[in-house]
Protein backbone atom coordinates (compact mmCIF):
# COMPACT_ATOMS: atom_id res chain seq x y z
CA MET A 1 45.05 143.92 -128.85
CA THR A 2 47.74 142.06 -126.90
CA ASP A 3 47.38 140.97 -123.29
CA LYS A 4 50.28 142.54 -121.39
CA SER A 5 49.38 141.00 -118.01
CA GLU A 6 52.29 138.54 -118.24
CA ASN A 7 54.72 141.47 -118.11
CA ARG A 8 53.32 142.90 -114.88
CA SER A 9 55.10 142.24 -111.62
CA TRP A 10 53.14 140.69 -108.78
CA THR A 11 51.92 143.04 -106.10
CA CYS A 12 51.85 140.43 -103.34
CA ALA A 13 55.42 139.17 -103.67
CA ILE A 14 57.16 137.26 -100.93
CA GLU A 15 59.40 139.61 -98.96
CA PRO A 16 62.09 138.94 -96.32
CA GLY A 17 59.98 140.65 -93.64
CA MET A 18 57.10 138.17 -94.02
CA THR A 19 56.69 135.40 -91.48
CA VAL A 20 56.82 131.73 -92.39
CA LEU A 21 53.14 131.49 -91.43
CA ASP A 22 52.20 134.39 -93.74
CA ILE A 23 53.95 132.69 -96.63
CA VAL A 24 52.63 129.14 -96.21
CA SER A 25 49.12 130.50 -95.58
CA LYS A 26 49.07 132.46 -98.83
CA TYR A 27 51.16 130.09 -100.94
CA SER A 28 50.73 126.44 -99.94
CA ALA A 29 53.29 125.29 -102.52
CA THR A 30 56.00 126.94 -100.42
CA GLN A 31 55.64 124.24 -97.75
CA ASP A 32 57.73 121.94 -99.95
CA VAL A 33 60.43 124.60 -100.23
CA PHE A 34 60.62 124.95 -96.47
CA LYS A 35 60.85 121.16 -96.16
CA ARG A 36 63.78 121.13 -98.59
CA TRP A 37 65.51 123.89 -96.64
CA ASP A 38 65.06 122.00 -93.34
CA ALA A 39 68.20 119.97 -94.07
CA ARG A 40 70.28 123.13 -94.47
CA ALA A 41 68.77 124.61 -91.33
CA GLY A 42 69.23 121.42 -89.33
CA ALA A 43 65.69 121.82 -88.01
CA CYS A 44 62.09 121.90 -89.16
CA ILE A 45 61.58 125.54 -90.13
CA CYS A 46 57.78 125.34 -90.13
CA CYS A 47 57.84 123.62 -86.72
CA ASN A 48 60.34 125.90 -85.00
CA ALA A 49 60.09 129.26 -86.75
CA LEU A 50 56.49 129.57 -87.92
CA PHE A 51 56.04 133.04 -86.44
CA GLU A 52 59.45 134.38 -87.41
CA SER A 53 60.30 136.47 -90.47
CA LEU A 54 62.42 135.06 -93.27
CA GLU A 55 65.16 137.47 -92.22
CA THR A 56 65.15 136.04 -88.71
CA VAL A 57 65.03 132.46 -89.99
CA ALA A 58 68.00 133.07 -92.29
CA GLU A 59 70.01 134.62 -89.48
CA LYS A 60 69.03 132.01 -86.89
CA TYR A 61 69.88 129.04 -89.12
CA ASN A 62 72.71 130.67 -91.11
CA LEU A 63 70.84 130.41 -94.43
CA ASP A 64 71.25 132.37 -97.66
CA LEU A 65 68.26 134.74 -97.44
CA SER A 66 68.25 135.73 -101.11
CA ALA A 67 68.38 132.09 -102.26
CA LEU A 68 65.56 131.15 -99.86
CA VAL A 69 63.37 134.04 -101.05
CA HIS A 70 64.14 133.10 -104.67
CA ASP A 71 63.06 129.48 -104.10
CA LEU A 72 59.90 130.56 -102.28
CA LYS A 73 58.94 133.02 -105.02
CA LYS A 74 59.44 130.38 -107.70
CA ALA A 75 57.22 127.95 -105.80
CA ALA A 76 54.57 130.61 -105.25
CA GLY A 77 54.59 131.46 -108.93
CA ASN A 78 55.45 135.11 -108.42
CA TYR A 79 59.05 135.12 -109.53
CA LYS A 80 60.05 136.30 -112.95
CA GLU A 81 63.46 135.29 -114.29
CA SER A 82 65.33 138.29 -115.60
CA GLY A 83 66.81 138.22 -119.05
């Protein structure tokens, strides 16, 4: 019998509606991603937008939301490359 668990998608994926606090609380590895994105934002995201959703953060700091979510999911270990 083969274990098919690797092919299952994660149920608790990072979504654009989640707040920065929700994400760093559940997935501590994402703190490094936010630190890397601080330069693009021109501000400390965790310092200034902790209670805001990723959608709001992307709009406020003119960031690429899909790229940010992608990086966060990779860091959290719940992103599966397609292909």
